Amino acid sequence: DDEIWLAGDANLQQIERLKKEEVWAIVAEAFNDKG
């Protein structure tokens, strides 16, 4: 309802539990050296 759980893809245990208002932005696009 008012909470979001986040995890880094490489993290093996850690999960961050946040209020929705703590999220600032969304990744719209991503690029590496290949494109």
All heavy atoms as atom14 arrays in JSON, in Angstrom:
{
  "sequence": "DDEIWLAGDANLQQIERLKKEEVWAIVAEAFNDKG",
  "atom14_mask": [
    [1, 1, 1, 1, 1, 1, 1, 1, 0, 0, 0, 0, 0, 0],
    [1, 1, 1, 1, 1, 1, 1, 1, 0, 0, 0, 0, 0, 0],
    [1, 1, 1, 1, 1, 1, 1, 1, 1, 0, 0, 0, 0, 0],
    [1, 1, 1, 1, 1, 1, 1, 1, 0, 0, 0, 0, 0, 0],
    [1, 1, 1, 1, 1, 1, 1, 1, 1, 1, 1, 1, 1, 1],
    [1, 1, 1, 1, 1, 1, 1, 1, 0, 0, 0, 0, 0, 0],
    [1, 1, 1, 1, 1, 0, 0, 0, 0, 0, 0, 0, 0, 0],
    [1, 1, 1, 1, 0, 0, 0, 0, 0, 0, 0, 0, 0, 0],
    [1, 1, 1, 1, 1, 1, 1, 1, 0, 0, 0, 0, 0, 0],
    [1, 1, 1, 1, 1, 0, 0, 0, 0, 0, 0, 0, 0, 0],
    [1, 1, 1, 1, 1, 1, 1, 1, 0, 0, 0, 0, 0, 0],
    [1, 1, 1, 1, 1, 1, 1, 1, 0, 0, 0, 0, 0, 0],
    [1, 1, 1, 1, 1, 1, 1, 1, 1, 0, 0, 0, 0, 0],
    [1, 1, 1, 1, 1, 1, 1, 1, 1, 0, 0, 0, 0, 0],
    [1, 1, 1, 1, 1, 1, 1, 1, 0, 0, 0, 0, 0, 0],
    [1, 1, 1, 1, 1, 1, 1, 1, 1, 0, 0, 0, 0, 0],
    [1, 1, 1, 1, 1, 1, 1, 1, 1, 1, 1, 0, 0, 0],
    [1, 1, 1, 1, 1, 1, 1, 1, 0, 0, 0, 0, 0, 0],
    [1, 1, 1, 1, 1, 1, 1, 1, 1, 0, 0, 0, 0, 0],
    [1, 1, 1, 1, 1, 1, 1, 1, 1, 0, 0, 0, 0, 0],
    [1, 1, 1, 1, 1, 1, 1, 1, 1, 0, 0, 0, 0, 0],
    [1, 1, 1, 1, 1, 1, 1, 1, 1, 0, 0, 0, 0, 0],
    [1, 1, 1, 1, 1, 1, 1, 0, 0, 0, 0, 0, 0, 0],
    [1, 1, 1, 1, 1, 1, 1, 1, 1, 1, 1, 1, 1, 1],
    [1, 1, 1, 1, 1, 0, 0, 0, 0, 0, 0, 0, 0, 0],
    [1, 1, 1, 1, 1, 1, 1, 1, 0, 0, 0, 0, 0, 0],
    [1, 1, 1, 1, 1, 1, 1, 0, 0, 0, 0, 0, 0, 0],
    [1, 1, 1, 1, 1, 0, 0, 0, 0, 0, 0, 0, 0, 0],
    [1, 1, 1, 1, 1, 1, 1, 1, 1, 0, 0, 0, 0, 0],
    [1, 1, 1, 1, 1, 0, 0, 0, 0, 0, 0, 0, 0, 0],
    [1, 1, 1, 1, 1, 1, 1, 1, 1, 1, 1, 0, 0, 0],
    [1, 1, 1, 1, 1, 1, 1, 1, 0, 0, 0, 0, 0, 0],
    [1, 1, 1, 1, 1, 1, 1, 1, 0, 0, 0, 0, 0, 0],
    [1, 1, 1, 1, 1, 1, 1, 1, 1, 0, 0, 0, 0, 0],
    [1, 1, 1, 1, 0, 0, 0, 0, 0, 0, 0, 0, 0, 0]
  ],
  "atom14_positions": [
    [[0.81, -1.22, 0.0], [0.0, 0.0, 0.0], [0.84, 1.27, 0.0], [0.76, 2.07, -0.91], [-0.96, 0.02, 1.19], [-2.04, -1.04, 1.06], [-2.37, -1.42, -0.08], [-2.54, -1.51, 2.1], [0.0, 0.0, 0.0], [0.0, 0.0, 0.0], [0.0, 0.0, 0.0], [0.0, 0.0, 0.0], [0.0, 0.0, 0.0], [0.0, 0.0, 0.0]],
    [[1.63, 1.47, 1.05], [2.44, 2.68, 1.13], [3.93, 2.38, 1.19], [4.73, 3.26, 1.48], [2.02, 3.51, 2.35], [2.26, 2.78, 3.67], [2.36, 1.54, 3.64], [2.34, 3.46, 4.71], [0.0, 0.0, 0.0], [0.0, 0.0, 0.0], [0.0, 0.0, 0.0], [0.0, 0.0, 0.0], [0.0, 0.0, 0.0], [0.0, 0.0, 0.0]],
    [[4.31, 1.16, 0.9], [5.7, 0.73, 1.04], [6.17, 0.02, -0.24], [5.39, -0.65, -0.9], [5.8, -0.22, 2.23], [7.21, -0.52, 2.67], [7.24, -1.38, 3.93], [6.81, -2.54, 3.88], [7.71, -0.87, 4.95], [0.0, 0.0, 0.0], [0.0, 0.0, 0.0], [0.0, 0.0, 0.0], [0.0, 0.0, 0.0], [0.0, 0.0, 0.0]],
    [[7.45, 0.21, -0.52], [8.09, -0.46, -1.65], [9.33, -1.16, -1.14], [10.05, -0.62, -0.3], [8.5, 0.58, -2.72], [7.27, 1.2, -3.33], [9.35, -0.05, -3.8], [7.58, 2.22, -4.39], [0.0, 0.0, 0.0], [0.0, 0.0, 0.0], [0.0, 0.0, 0.0], [0.0, 0.0, 0.0], [0.0, 0.0, 0.0], [0.0, 0.0, 0.0]],
    [[9.56, -2.36, -1.65], [10.78, -3.09, -1.3], [11.69, -3.06, -2.51], [11.27, -3.34, -3.63], [10.47, -4.53, -0.93], [9.66, -4.68, 0.33], [8.95, -3.73, 1.0], [9.46, -5.9, 1.04], [8.33, -4.27, 2.09], [8.63, -5.6, 2.14], [9.92, -7.19, 0.86], [8.24, -6.57, 3.06], [9.53, -8.15, 1.77], [8.71, -7.85, 2.86]],
    [[12.96, -2.73, -2.25], [13.97, -2.66, -3.31], [15.09, -3.63, -3.0], [15.38, -3.91, -1.83], [14.56, -1.25, -3.41], [13.62, -0.08, -3.61], [14.4, 1.22, -3.66], [12.81, -0.26, -4.88], [0.0, 0.0, 0.0], [0.0, 0.0, 0.0], [0.0, 0.0, 0.0], [0.0, 0.0, 0.0], [0.0, 0.0, 0.0], [0.0, 0.0, 0.0]],
    [[15.72, -4.12, -4.04], [16.91, -4.96, -3.88], [17.85, -4.71, -5.04], [17.41, -4.55, -6.18], [16.52, -6.44, -3.83], [0.0, 0.0, 0.0], [0.0, 0.0, 0.0], [0.0, 0.0, 0.0], [0.0, 0.0, 0.0], [0.0, 0.0, 0.0], [0.0, 0.0, 0.0], [0.0, 0.0, 0.0], [0.0, 0.0, 0.0], [0.0, 0.0, 0.0]],
    [[19.13, -4.66, -4.73], [20.13, -4.61, -5.79], [20.25, -5.99, -6.41], [20.19, -7.0, -5.7], [0.0, 0.0, 0.0], [0.0, 0.0, 0.0], [0.0, 0.0, 0.0], [0.0, 0.0, 0.0], [0.0, 0.0, 0.0], [0.0, 0.0, 0.0], [0.0, 0.0, 0.0], [0.0, 0.0, 0.0], [0.0, 0.0, 0.0], [0.0, 0.0, 0.0]],
    [[20.39, -6.06, -7.71], [20.44, -7.36, -8.39], [21.59, -8.22, -7.88], [21.47, -9.44, -7.82], [20.56, -7.16, -9.91], [19.28, -6.6, -10.51], [18.19, -6.8, -9.94], [19.38, -5.94, -11.57], [0.0, 0.0, 0.0], [0.0, 0.0, 0.0], [0.0, 0.0, 0.0], [0.0, 0.0, 0.0], [0.0, 0.0, 0.0], [0.0, 0.0, 0.0]],
    [[22.7, -7.61, -7.5], [23.85, -8.38, -7.04], [23.8, -8.67, -5.54], [24.56, -9.51, -5.05], [25.15, -7.64, -7.37], [0.0, 0.0, 0.0], [0.0, 0.0, 0.0], [0.0, 0.0, 0.0], [0.0, 0.0, 0.0], [0.0, 0.0, 0.0], [0.0, 0.0, 0.0], [0.0, 0.0, 0.0], [0.0, 0.0, 0.0], [0.0, 0.0, 0.0]],
    [[22.93, -7.99, -4.83], [22.84, -8.19, -3.38], [22.26, -9.57, -3.07], [21.24, -9.95, -3.62], [21.99, -7.11, -2.73], [22.64, -5.74, -2.82], [23.78, -5.6, -3.25], [21.91, -4.73, -2.42], [0.0, 0.0, 0.0], [0.0, 0.0, 0.0], [0.0, 0.0, 0.0], [0.0, 0.0, 0.0], [0.0, 0.0, 0.0], [0.0, 0.0, 0.0]],
    [[22.89, -10.27, -2.16], [22.45, -11.62, -1.83], [21.45, -11.65, -0.67], [20.76, -12.65, -0.49], [23.65, -12.5, -1.5], [24.61, -12.73, -2.67], [25.8, -13.57, -2.23], [23.89, -13.39, -3.83], [0.0, 0.0, 0.0], [0.0, 0.0, 0.0], [0.0, 0.0, 0.0], [0.0, 0.0, 0.0], [0.0, 0.0, 0.0], [0.0, 0.0, 0.0]],
    [[21.37, -10.6, 0.13], [20.46, -10.62, 1.27], [19.69, -9.33, 1.44], [18.51, -9.36, 1.73], [21.24, -10.92, 2.56], [21.81, -12.3, 2.58], [22.54, -12.59, 3.87], [22.56, -11.8, 4.79], [23.15, -13.75, 3.94], [0.0, 0.0, 0.0], [0.0, 0.0, 0.0], [0.0, 0.0, 0.0], [0.0, 0.0, 0.0], [0.0, 0.0, 0.0]],
    [[20.34, -8.21, 1.29], [19.76, -6.92, 1.65], [18.53, -6.57, 0.81], [18.53, -6.7, -0.4], [20.82, -5.83, 1.48], [20.34, -4.46, 1.87], [21.44, -3.44, 1.71], [22.6, -3.78, 1.59], [21.07, -2.19, 1.7], [0.0, 0.0, 0.0], [0.0, 0.0, 0.0], [0.0, 0.0, 0.0], [0.0, 0.0, 0.0], [0.0, 0.0, 0.0]],
    [[17.51, -6.11, 1.51], [16.31, -5.56, 0.88], [16.01, -4.25, 1.6], [16.01, -4.2, 2.83], [15.1, -6.51, 0.99], [15.36, -7.78, 0.19], [13.82, -5.83, 0.52], [14.26, -8.82, 0.31], [0.0, 0.0, 0.0], [0.0, 0.0, 0.0], [0.0, 0.0, 0.0], [0.0, 0.0, 0.0], [0.0, 0.0, 0.0], [0.0, 0.0, 0.0]],
    [[15.78, -3.19, 0.83], [15.42, -1.9, 1.42], [13.9, -1.77, 1.4], [13.27, -2.0, 0.38], [16.04, -0.74, 0.63], [17.55, -0.72, 0.64], [18.19, -1.55, -0.45], [17.5, -1.95, -1.41], [19.4, -1.81, -0.34], [0.0, 0.0, 0.0], [0.0, 0.0, 0.0], [0.0, 0.0, 0.0], [0.0, 0.0, 0.0], [0.0, 0.0, 0.0]],
    [[13.35, -1.4, 2.55], [11.9, -1.17, 2.66], [11.69, 0.33, 2.83], [12.17, 0.91, 3.8], [11.32, -1.93, 3.84], [11.43, -3.42, 3.62], [10.95, -4.19, 4.8], [11.11, -5.62, 4.51], [11.08, -6.57, 5.4], [10.91, -6.28, 6.67], [11.24, -7.82, 5.06], [0.0, 0.0, 0.0], [0.0, 0.0, 0.0], [0.0, 0.0, 0.0]],
    [[11.0, 0.93, 1.88], [10.86, 2.38, 1.83], [9.41, 2.81, 1.73], [8.57, 2.06, 1.24], [11.57, 2.95, 0.59], [12.93, 2.46, 0.21], [13.29, 3.0, -1.15], [13.93, 2.92, 1.23], [0.0, 0.0, 0.0], [0.0, 0.0, 0.0], [0.0, 0.0, 0.0], [0.0, 0.0, 0.0], [0.0, 0.0, 0.0], [0.0, 0.0, 0.0]],
    [[9.17, 4.04, 2.11], [7.9, 4.69, 1.8], [7.96, 5.11, 0.33], [9.02, 5.44, -0.19], [7.7, 5.92, 2.68], [7.69, 5.61, 4.16], [6.26, 5.57, 4.63], [6.2, 5.38, 6.13], [5.48, 4.22, 6.51], [0.0, 0.0, 0.0], [0.0, 0.0, 0.0], [0.0, 0.0, 0.0], [0.0, 0.0, 0.0], [0.0, 0.0, 0.0]],
    [[6.82, 5.09, -0.33], [6.77, 5.44, -1.75], [7.36, 6.83, -2.02], [7.99, 7.05, -3.05], [5.34, 5.36, -2.29], [4.86, 3.94, -2.43], [3.46, 3.88, -3.0], [3.03, 2.42, -3.19], [1.66, 2.33, -3.68], [0.0, 0.0, 0.0], [0.0, 0.0, 0.0], [0.0, 0.0, 0.0], [0.0, 0.0, 0.0], [0.0, 0.0, 0.0]],
    [[7.18, 7.75, -1.08], [7.68, 9.12, -1.31], [9.2, 9.22, -1.25], [9.77, 10.24, -1.63], [7.02, 10.13, -0.35], [7.11, 9.8, 1.1], [5.93, 8.94, 1.61], [5.1, 8.47, 0.81], [5.89, 8.72, 2.82], [0.0, 0.0, 0.0], [0.0, 0.0, 0.0], [0.0, 0.0, 0.0], [0.0, 0.0, 0.0], [0.0, 0.0, 0.0]],
    [[9.88, 8.18, -0.82], [11.35, 8.19, -0.8], [11.93, 7.85, -2.18], [13.13, 8.0, -2.4], [11.87, 7.19, 0.23], [11.55, 7.59, 1.66], [12.0, 6.56, 2.66], [11.31, 5.52, 2.79], [13.05, 6.79, 3.32], [0.0, 0.0, 0.0], [0.0, 0.0, 0.0], [0.0, 0.0, 0.0], [0.0, 0.0, 0.0], [0.0, 0.0, 0.0]],
    [[11.09, 7.42, -3.1], [11.54, 7.12, -4.46], [11.48, 8.41, -5.26], [10.45, 9.06, -5.34], [10.65, 6.03, -5.11], [11.09, 5.78, -6.54], [10.71, 4.75, -4.31], [0.0, 0.0, 0.0], [0.0, 0.0, 0.0], [0.0, 0.0, 0.0], [0.0, 0.0, 0.0], [0.0, 0.0, 0.0], [0.0, 0.0, 0.0], [0.0, 0.0, 0.0]],
    [[12.61, 8.79, -5.85], [12.72, 10.06, -6.57], [12.51, 9.92, -8.07], [11.99, 10.81, -8.71], [14.12, 10.63, -6.37], [14.38, 11.26, -5.06], [13.61, 11.24, -3.94], [15.55, 12.0, -4.73], [14.23, 11.93, -2.94], [15.42, 12.41, -3.39], [16.69, 12.36, -5.43], [16.38, 13.16, -2.75], [17.65, 13.1, -4.79], [17.5, 13.49, -3.46]],
    [[13.03, 8.83, -8.64], [13.06, 8.74, -10.1], [13.02, 7.29, -10.54], [13.31, 6.38, -9.76], [14.33, 9.41, -10.64], [0.0, 0.0, 0.0], [0.0, 0.0, 0.0], [0.0, 0.0, 0.0], [0.0, 0.0, 0.0], [0.0, 0.0, 0.0], [0.0, 0.0, 0.0], [0.0, 0.0, 0.0], [0.0, 0.0, 0.0], [0.0, 0.0, 0.0]],
    [[12.69, 7.11, -11.78], [12.66, 5.79, -12.41], [13.72, 5.77, -13.5], [13.97, 6.8, -14.13], [11.25, 5.49, -12.98], [11.11, 4.04, -13.4], [10.9, 6.36, -14.14], [10.6, 3.17, -12.31], [0.0, 0.0, 0.0], [0.0, 0.0, 0.0], [0.0, 0.0, 0.0], [0.0, 0.0, 0.0], [0.0, 0.0, 0.0], [0.0, 0.0, 0.0]],
    [[14.35, 4.63, -13.71], [15.28, 4.51, -14.84], [14.44, 4.35, -16.1], [13.74, 3.35, -16.26], [16.24, 3.31, -14.65], [17.06, 3.08, -15.92], [17.16, 3.55, -13.46], [0.0, 0.0, 0.0], [0.0, 0.0, 0.0], [0.0, 0.0, 0.0], [0.0, 0.0, 0.0], [0.0, 0.0, 0.0], [0.0, 0.0, 0.0], [0.0, 0.0, 0.0]],
    [[14.48, 5.35, -16.95], [13.71, 5.33, -18.19], [14.46, 4.6, -19.29], [13.86, 3.87, -20.09], [13.4, 6.76, -18.64], [0.0, 0.0, 0.0], [0.0, 0.0, 0.0], [0.0, 0.0, 0.0], [0.0, 0.0, 0.0], [0.0, 0.0, 0.0], [0.0, 0.0, 0.0], [0.0, 0.0, 0.0], [0.0, 0.0, 0.0], [0.0, 0.0, 0.0]],
    [[15.78, 4.78, -19.32], [16.64, 4.14, -20.32], [18.0, 3.87, -19.69], [18.38, 4.53, -18.73], [16.85, 5.04, -21.54], [15.61, 5.38, -22.32], [15.92, 6.33, -23.45], [16.13, 7.53, -23.17], [15.98, 5.86, -24.61], [0.0, 0.0, 0.0], [0.0, 0.0, 0.0], [0.0, 0.0, 0.0], [0.0, 0.0, 0.0], [0.0, 0.0, 0.0]],
    [[18.73, 2.93, -20.28], [20.08, 2.64, -19.81], [20.96, 2.31, -21.01], [20.49, 1.78, -22.02], [20.07, 1.48, -18.82], [0.0, 0.0, 0.0], [0.0, 0.0, 0.0], [0.0, 0.0, 0.0], [0.0, 0.0, 0.0], [0.0, 0.0, 0.0], [0.0, 0.0, 0.0], [0.0, 0.0, 0.0], [0.0, 0.0, 0.0], [0.0, 0.0, 0.0]],
    [[22.25, 2.63, -20.88], [23.2, 2.42, -21.97], [24.53, 1.93, -21.41], [24.94, 2.35, -20.33], [23.45, 3.73, -22.73], [22.2, 4.33, -23.3], [21.44, 5.21, -22.55], [21.78, 4.01, -24.58], [20.28, 5.77, -23.07], [20.63, 4.56, -25.11], [19.88, 5.44, -24.35], [0.0, 0.0, 0.0], [0.0, 0.0, 0.0], [0.0, 0.0, 0.0]],
    [[25.17, 1.04, -22.15], [26.55, 0.67, -21.85], [27.39, 0.99, -23.09], [26.9, 1.62, -24.03], [26.66, -0.8, -21.41], [26.18, -1.77, -22.46], [26.14, -1.48, -23.66], [25.79, -2.96, -22.03], [0.0, 0.0, 0.0], [0.0, 0.0, 0.0], [0.0, 0.0, 0.0], [0.0, 0.0, 0.0], [0.0, 0.0, 0.0], [0.0, 0.0, 0.0]],
    [[28.63, 0.53, -23.12], [29.51, 0.82, -24.25], [29.02, 0.21, -25.56], [29.39, 0.66, -26.63], [30.94, 0.34, -23.95], [31.57, 1.13, -22.82], [31.12, 2.26, -22.55], [32.51, 0.61, -22.2], [0.0, 0.0, 0.0], [0.0, 0.0, 0.0], [0.0, 0.0, 0.0], [0.0, 0.0, 0.0], [0.0, 0.0, 0.0], [0.0, 0.0, 0.0]],
    [[28.2, -0.82, -25.47], [27.7, -1.49, -26.67], [26.41, -0.88, -27.19], [25.95, -1.23, -28.27], [27.49, -2.98, -26.38], [28.77, -3.7, -26.03], [28.49, -5.13, -25.63], [29.77, -5.78, -25.13], [29.52, -7.07, -24.51], [0.0, 0.0, 0.0], [0.0, 0.0, 0.0], [0.0, 0.0, 0.0], [0.0, 0.0, 0.0], [0.0, 0.0, 0.0]],
    [[25.76, -0.04, -26.4], [24.5, 0.57, -26.83], [23.45, 0.52, -25.75], [23.74, 0.47, -24.56], [0.0, 0.0, 0.0], [0.0, 0.0, 0.0], [0.0, 0.0, 0.0], [0.0, 0.0, 0.0], [0.0, 0.0, 0.0], [0.0, 0.0, 0.0], [0.0, 0.0, 0.0], [0.0, 0.0, 0.0], [0.0, 0.0, 0.0], [0.0, 0.0, 0.0]]
  ]
}
